[in-house]
Amino acid sequence: MNLQQNLVQMCMVTSARMLKQWNLVFLVTSALMNLQQNLVQMCMVTSARMLKLRSPVLAPFMNLIPTL
């Protein structure tokens, strides 16, 4: 079970729903930079800001990100 890959997919879907016009930017950025770790952190921070920490799905992952 690849938890990191699932986290990236969940995060991209959440970001796409909240920031539809920015979805392409996220995809292109991840493809060009190919920095999965940074993509996860950027996604989680963005999702946290947009959802205002109200999502029960993102809650368990908040402690994993020191930048928050």
PDB file of N, CA and C in Angstrom:
ATOM      1  N   MET A   1       0.845  -1.200   0.000  1.00  0.00           N
ATOM      2  CA  MET A   1       0.000   0.000   0.000  1.00  0.00           C
ATOM      3  C   MET A   1       0.878   1.247   0.000  1.00  0.00           C
ATOM      4  N   ASN A   2       0.733   2.018  -1.020  1.00  0.00           N
ATOM      5  CA  ASN A   2       1.562   3.215  -1.149  1.00  0.00           C
ATOM      6  C   ASN A   2       0.812   4.414  -0.576  1.00  0.00           C
ATOM      7  N   LEU A   3       1.043   4.677   0.702  1.00  0.00           N
ATOM      8  CA  LEU A   3       0.308   5.743   1.386  1.00  0.00           C
ATOM      9  C   LEU A   3       0.620   7.112   0.802  1.00  0.00           C
ATOM     10  N   GLN A   4       1.884   7.312   0.437  1.00  0.00           N
ATOM     11  CA  GLN A   4       2.277   8.617  -0.105  1.00  0.00           C
ATOM     12  C   GLN A   4       1.580   8.899  -1.427  1.00  0.00           C
ATOM     13  N   GLN A   5       1.501   7.888  -2.283  1.00  0.00           N
ATOM     14  CA  GLN A   5       0.836   8.065  -3.573  1.00  0.00           C
ATOM     15  C   GLN A   5      -0.646   8.360  -3.383  1.00  0.00           C
ATOM     16  N   ASN A   6      -1.265   7.637  -2.440  1.00  0.00           N
ATOM     17  CA  ASN A   6      -2.679   7.876  -2.151  1.00  0.00           C
ATOM     18  C   ASN A   6      -2.890   9.274  -1.586  1.00  0.00           C
ATOM     19  N   LEU A   7      -1.946   9.723  -0.774  1.00  0.00           N
ATOM     20  CA  LEU A   7      -2.032  11.063  -0.200  1.00  0.00           C
ATOM     21  C   LEU A   7      -1.940  12.120  -1.288  1.00  0.00           C
ATOM     22  N   VAL A   8      -1.038  11.907  -2.239  1.00  0.00           N
ATOM     23  CA  VAL A   8      -0.898  12.850  -3.350  1.00  0.00           C
ATOM     24  C   VAL A   8      -2.176  12.905  -4.169  1.00  0.00           C
ATOM     25  N   GLN A   9      -2.739  11.746  -4.471  1.00  0.00           N
ATOM     26  CA  GLN A   9      -3.966  11.701  -5.261  1.00  0.00           C
ATOM     27  C   GLN A   9      -5.117  12.371  -4.529  1.00  0.00           C
ATOM     28  N   MET A  10      -5.262  12.071  -3.236  1.00  0.00           N
ATOM     29  CA  MET A  10      -6.328  12.680  -2.446  1.00  0.00           C
ATOM     30  C   MET A  10      -6.163  14.195  -2.403  1.00  0.00           C
ATOM     31  N   CYS A  11      -4.918  14.607  -2.241  1.00  0.00           N
ATOM     32  CA  CYS A  11      -4.622  16.028  -2.138  1.00  0.00           C
ATOM     33  C   CYS A  11      -4.903  16.759  -3.443  1.00  0.00           C
ATOM     34  N   MET A  12      -4.513  16.167  -4.557  1.00  0.00           N
ATOM     35  CA  MET A  12      -4.753  16.786  -5.854  1.00  0.00           C
ATOM     36  C   MET A  12      -6.240  16.899  -6.144  1.00  0.00           C
ATOM     37  N   VAL A  13      -6.998  15.868  -5.779  1.00  0.00           N
ATOM     38  CA  VAL A  13      -8.447  15.903  -5.978  1.00  0.00           C
ATOM     39  C   VAL A  13      -9.067  17.002  -5.130  1.00  0.00           C
ATOM     40  N   THR A  14      -8.642  17.093  -3.874  1.00  0.00           N
ATOM     41  CA  THR A  14      -9.176  18.121  -2.975  1.00  0.00           C
ATOM     42  C   THR A  14      -8.832  19.515  -3.488  1.00  0.00           C
ATOM     43  N   SER A  15      -7.590  19.702  -3.903  1.00  0.00           N
ATOM     44  CA  SER A  15      -7.168  21.000  -4.422  1.00  0.00           C
ATOM     45  C   SER A  15      -7.910  21.348  -5.707  1.00  0.00           C
ATOM     46  N   ALA A  16      -8.133  20.340  -6.540  1.00  0.00           N
ATOM     47  CA  ALA A  16      -8.836  20.567  -7.801  1.00  0.00           C
ATOM     48  C   ALA A  16     -10.269  21.009  -7.549  1.00  0.00           C
ATOM     49  N   ARG A  17     -10.886  20.421  -6.545  1.00  0.00           N
ATOM     50  CA  ARG A  17     -12.266  20.793  -6.223  1.00  0.00           C
ATOM     51  C   ARG A  17     -12.342  22.205  -5.668  1.00  0.00           C
ATOM     52  N   MET A  18     -11.365  22.555  -4.810  1.00  0.00           N
ATOM     53  CA  MET A  18     -11.387  23.861  -4.164  1.00  0.00           C
ATOM     54  C   MET A  18     -10.835  24.955  -5.082  1.00  0.00           C
ATOM     55  N   LEU A  19      -9.855  24.605  -5.892  1.00  0.00           N
ATOM     56  CA  LEU A  19      -9.198  25.581  -6.764  1.00  0.00           C
ATOM     57  C   LEU A  19      -9.209  25.078  -8.201  1.00  0.00           C
ATOM     58  N   LYS A  20     -10.373  25.069  -8.807  1.00  0.00           N
ATOM     59  CA  LYS A  20     -10.515  24.475 -10.138  1.00  0.00           C
ATOM     60  C   LYS A  20      -9.611  25.138 -11.170  1.00  0.00           C
ATOM     61  N   GLN A  21      -9.484  26.445 -11.121  1.00  0.00           N
ATOM     62  CA  GLN A  21      -8.692  27.125 -12.133  1.00  0.00           C
ATOM     63  C   GLN A  21      -7.197  26.904 -11.922  1.00  0.00           C
ATOM     64  N   TRP A  22      -6.806  26.427 -10.731  1.00  0.00           N
ATOM     65  CA  TRP A  22      -5.390  26.216 -10.446  1.00  0.00           C
ATOM     66  C   TRP A  22      -4.976  24.764 -10.635  1.00  0.00           C
ATOM     67  N   ASN A  23      -5.929  23.902 -10.962  1.00  0.00           N
ATOM     68  CA  ASN A  23      -5.626  22.475 -11.095  1.00  0.00           C
ATOM     69  C   ASN A  23      -4.520  22.226 -12.121  1.00  0.00           C
ATOM     70  N   LEU A  24      -4.614  22.883 -13.268  1.00  0.00           N
ATOM     71  CA  LEU A  24      -3.612  22.701 -14.316  1.00  0.00           C
ATOM     72  C   LEU A  24      -2.238  23.159 -13.845  1.00  0.00           C
ATOM     73  N   VAL A  25      -2.199  24.232 -13.070  1.00  0.00           N
ATOM     74  CA  VAL A  25      -0.932  24.738 -12.543  1.00  0.00           C
ATOM     75  C   VAL A  25      -0.274  23.694 -11.645  1.00  0.00           C
ATOM     76  N   PHE A  26      -1.083  23.058 -10.789  1.00  0.00           N
ATOM     77  CA  PHE A  26      -0.546  22.025  -9.905  1.00  0.00           C
ATOM     78  C   PHE A  26       0.014  20.859 -10.710  1.00  0.00           C
ATOM     79  N   LEU A  27      -0.731  20.428 -11.718  1.00  0.00           N
ATOM     80  CA  LEU A  27      -0.299  19.277 -12.513  1.00  0.00           C
ATOM     81  C   LEU A  27       0.978  19.584 -13.283  1.00  0.00           C
ATOM     82  N   VAL A  28       1.040  20.752 -13.908  1.00  0.00           N
ATOM     83  CA  VAL A  28       2.220  21.132 -14.681  1.00  0.00           C
ATOM     84  C   VAL A  28       3.430  21.303 -13.767  1.00  0.00           C
ATOM     85  N   THR A  29       3.212  21.940 -12.632  1.00  0.00           N
ATOM     86  CA  THR A  29       4.310  22.154 -11.685  1.00  0.00           C
ATOM     87  C   THR A  29       4.880  20.831 -11.199  1.00  0.00           C
ATOM     88  N   SER A  30       4.000  19.908 -10.849  1.00  0.00           N
ATOM     89  CA  SER A  30       4.467  18.609 -10.357  1.00  0.00           C
ATOM     90  C   SER A  30       5.194  17.840 -11.454  1.00  0.00           C
ATOM     91  N   ALA A  31       4.731  17.972 -12.687  1.00  0.00           N
ATOM     92  CA  ALA A  31       5.364  17.260 -13.794  1.00  0.00           C
ATOM     93  C   ALA A  31       6.753  17.826 -14.088  1.00  0.00           C
ATOM     94  N   LEU A  32       6.893  19.139 -14.044  1.00  0.00           N
ATOM     95  CA  LEU A  32       8.170  19.775 -14.358  1.00  0.00           C
ATOM     96  C   LEU A  32       9.183  19.595 -13.238  1.00  0.00           C
ATOM     97  N   MET A  33       8.761  19.795 -12.018  1.00  0.00           N
ATOM     98  CA  MET A  33       9.678  19.748 -10.887  1.00  0.00           C
ATOM     99  C   MET A  33       9.924  18.324 -10.412  1.00  0.00           C
ATOM    100  N   ASN A  34       8.886  17.496 -10.496  1.00  0.00           N
ATOM    101  CA  ASN A  34       8.982  16.095 -10.073  1.00  0.00           C
ATOM    102  C   ASN A  34       9.478  15.988  -8.643  1.00  0.00           C
ATOM    103  N   LEU A  35       8.936  16.848  -7.779  1.00  0.00           N
ATOM    104  CA  LEU A  35       9.298  16.825  -6.364  1.00  0.00           C
ATOM    105  C   LEU A  35       8.063  16.437  -5.564  1.00  0.00           C
ATOM    106  N   GLN A  36       7.890  15.146  -5.405  1.00  0.00           N
ATOM    107  CA  GLN A  36       6.671  14.644  -4.776  1.00  0.00           C
ATOM    108  C   GLN A  36       6.535  15.128  -3.335  1.00  0.00           C
ATOM    109  N   GLN A  37       7.640  15.164  -2.615  1.00  0.00           N
ATOM    110  CA  GLN A  37       7.584  15.584  -1.218  1.00  0.00           C
ATOM    111  C   GLN A  37       7.113  17.028  -1.106  1.00  0.00           C
ATOM    112  N   ASN A  38       7.680  17.913  -1.934  1.00  0.00           N
ATOM    113  CA  ASN A  38       7.281  19.311  -1.913  1.00  0.00           C
ATOM    114  C   ASN A  38       5.852  19.476  -2.392  1.00  0.00           C
ATOM    115  N   LEU A  39       5.441  18.641  -3.347  1.00  0.00           N
ATOM    116  CA  LEU A  39       4.072  18.700  -3.848  1.00  0.00           C
ATOM    117  C   LEU A  39       3.089  18.343  -2.749  1.00  0.00           C
ATOM    118  N   VAL A  40       3.423  17.332  -1.970  1.00  0.00           N
ATOM    119  CA  VAL A  40       2.553  16.930  -0.862  1.00  0.00           C
ATOM    120  C   VAL A  40       2.419  18.071   0.137  1.00  0.00           C
ATOM    121  N   GLN A  41       3.534  18.678   0.511  1.00  0.00           N
ATOM    122  CA  GLN A  41       3.503  19.763   1.483  1.00  0.00           C
ATOM    123  C   GLN A  41       2.726  20.961   0.949  1.00  0.00           C
ATOM    124  N   MET A  42       2.976  21.341  -0.299  1.00  0.00           N
ATOM    125  CA  MET A  42       2.271  22.469  -0.902  1.00  0.00           C
ATOM    126  C   MET A  42       0.777  22.200  -0.942  1.00  0.00           C
ATOM    127  N   CYS A  43       0.427  20.974  -1.347  1.00  0.00           N
ATOM    128  CA  CYS A  43      -0.979  20.594  -1.461  1.00  0.00           C
ATOM    129  C   CYS A  43      -1.674  20.626  -0.111  1.00  0.00           C
ATOM    130  N   MET A  44      -1.030  20.062   0.886  1.00  0.00           N
ATOM    131  CA  MET A  44      -1.645  19.994   2.208  1.00  0.00           C
ATOM    132  C   MET A  44      -1.815  21.386   2.804  1.00  0.00           C
ATOM    133  N   VAL A  45      -0.820  22.234   2.622  1.00  0.00           N
ATOM    134  CA  VAL A  45      -0.919  23.605   3.124  1.00  0.00           C
ATOM    135  C   VAL A  45      -2.037  24.348   2.410  1.00  0.00           C
ATOM    136  N   THR A  46      -2.096  24.206   1.087  1.00  0.00           N
ATOM    137  CA  THR A  46      -3.146  24.865   0.310  1.00  0.00           C
ATOM    138  C   THR A  46      -4.519  24.357   0.703  1.00  0.00           C
ATOM    139  N   SER A  47      -4.643  23.051   0.833  1.00  0.00           N
ATOM    140  CA  SER A  47      -5.927  22.464   1.219  1.00  0.00           C
ATOM    141  C   SER A  47      -6.325  22.915   2.612  1.00  0.00           C
ATOM    142  N   ALA A  48      -5.362  22.972   3.510  1.00  0.00           N
ATOM    143  CA  ALA A  48      -5.645  23.389   4.879  1.00  0.00           C
ATOM    144  C   ALA A  48      -6.136  24.831   4.918  1.00  0.00           C
ATOM    145  N   ARG A  49      -5.522  25.678   4.116  1.00  0.00           N
ATOM    146  CA  ARG A  49      -5.940  27.078   4.083  1.00  0.00           C
ATOM    147  C   ARG A  49      -7.323  27.238   3.479  1.00  0.00           C
ATOM    148  N   MET A  50      -7.606  26.481   2.426  1.00  0.00           N
ATOM    149  CA  MET A  50      -8.899  26.596   1.755  1.00  0.00           C
ATOM    150  C   MET A  50     -10.022  25.986   2.582  1.00  0.00           C
ATOM    151  N   LEU A  51      -9.736  24.878   3.236  1.00  0.00           N
ATOM    152  CA  LEU A  51     -10.755  24.179   4.021  1.00  0.00           C
ATOM    153  C   LEU A  51     -10.814  24.672   5.462  1.00  0.00           C
ATOM    154  N   LYS A  52      -9.856  25.524   5.824  1.00  0.00           N
ATOM    155  CA  LYS A  52      -9.793  26.086   7.175  1.00  0.00           C
ATOM    156  C   LYS A  52      -9.784  24.987   8.241  1.00  0.00           C
ATOM    157  N   LEU A  53      -9.054  23.927   7.940  1.00  0.00           N
ATOM    158  CA  LEU A  53      -8.845  22.828   8.881  1.00  0.00           C
ATOM    159  C   LEU A  53     -10.146  22.165   9.312  1.00  0.00           C
ATOM    160  N   ARG A  54     -11.198  22.252   8.499  1.00  0.00           N
ATOM    161  CA  ARG A  54     -12.481  21.664   8.872  1.00  0.00           C
ATOM    162  C   ARG A  54     -12.662  20.255   8.329  1.00  0.00           C
ATOM    163  N   SER A  55     -11.757  19.812   7.475  1.00  0.00           N
ATOM    164  CA  SER A  55     -11.923  18.504   6.851  1.00  0.00           C
ATOM    165  C   SER A  55     -11.420  17.382   7.760  1.00  0.00           C
ATOM    166  N   PRO A  56     -12.270  16.411   8.070  1.00  0.00           N
ATOM    167  CA  PRO A  56     -11.842  15.281   8.910  1.00  0.00           C
ATOM    168  C   PRO A  56     -10.831  14.389   8.202  1.00  0.00           C
ATOM    169  N   VAL A  57     -10.798  14.474   6.869  1.00  0.00           N
ATOM    170  CA  VAL A  57      -9.849  13.666   6.105  1.00  0.00           C
ATOM    171  C   VAL A  57      -8.438  14.227   6.240  1.00  0.00           C
ATOM    172  N   LEU A  58      -8.318  15.547   6.238  1.00  0.00           N
ATOM    173  CA  LEU A  58      -7.001  16.173   6.312  1.00  0.00           C
ATOM    174  C   LEU A  58      -6.478  16.275   7.742  1.00  0.00           C
ATOM    175  N   ALA A  59      -7.376  16.226   8.726  1.00  0.00           N
ATOM    176  CA  ALA A  59      -7.000  16.422  10.122  1.00  0.00           C
ATOM    177  C   ALA A  59      -5.850  15.524  10.590  1.00  0.00           C
ATOM    178  N   PRO A  60      -5.878  14.221  10.294  1.00  0.00           N
ATOM    179  CA  PRO A  60      -4.795  13.350  10.788  1.00  0.00           C
ATOM    180  C   PRO A  60      -3.424  13.683  10.205  1.00  0.00           C
ATOM    181  N   PHE A  61      -3.401  14.384   9.067  1.00  0.00           N
ATOM    182  CA  PHE A  61      -2.133  14.669   8.399  1.00  0.00           C
ATOM    183  C   PHE A  61      -1.529  16.008   8.810  1.00  0.00           C
ATOM    184  N   MET A  62      -2.289  16.816   9.546  1.00  0.00           N
ATOM    185  CA  MET A  62      -1.819  18.155   9.894  1.00  0.00           C
ATOM    186  C   MET A  62      -0.560  18.106  10.757  1.00  0.00           C
ATOM    187  N   ASN A  63      -0.465  17.104  11.623  1.00  0.00           N
ATOM    188  CA  ASN A  63       0.701  17.000  12.496  1.00  0.00           C
ATOM    189  C   ASN A  63       1.957  16.587  11.737  1.00  0.00           C
ATOM    190  N   LEU A  64       1.792  16.097  10.511  1.00  0.00           N
ATOM    191  CA  LEU A  64       2.942  15.653   9.729  1.00  0.00           C
ATOM    192  C   LEU A  64       3.649  16.811   9.046  1.00  0.00           C
ATOM    193  N   ILE A  65       3.004  17.983   9.031  1.00  0.00           N
ATOM    194  CA  ILE A  65       3.558  19.119   8.296  1.00  0.00           C
ATOM    195  C   ILE A  65       4.008  20.210   9.264  1.00  0.00           C
ATOM    196  N   PRO A  66       5.317  20.337   9.480  1.00  0.00           N
ATOM    197  CA  PRO A  66       5.829  21.312  10.447  1.00  0.00           C
ATOM    198  C   PRO A  66       5.587  22.759  10.040  1.00  0.00           C
ATOM    199  N   THR A  67       5.336  23.006   8.747  1.00  0.00           N
ATOM    200  CA  THR A  67       5.153  24.381   8.281  1.00  0.00           C
ATOM    201  C   THR A  67       3.826  24.960   8.739  1.00  0.00           C
ATOM    202  N   LEU A  68       2.887  24.096   9.139  1.00  0.00           N
ATOM    203  CA  LEU A  68       1.606  24.586   9.636  1.00  0.00           C
ATOM    204  C   LEU A  68       1.738  24.984  11.092  1.00  0.00           C
TER     205      LEU A  68
END
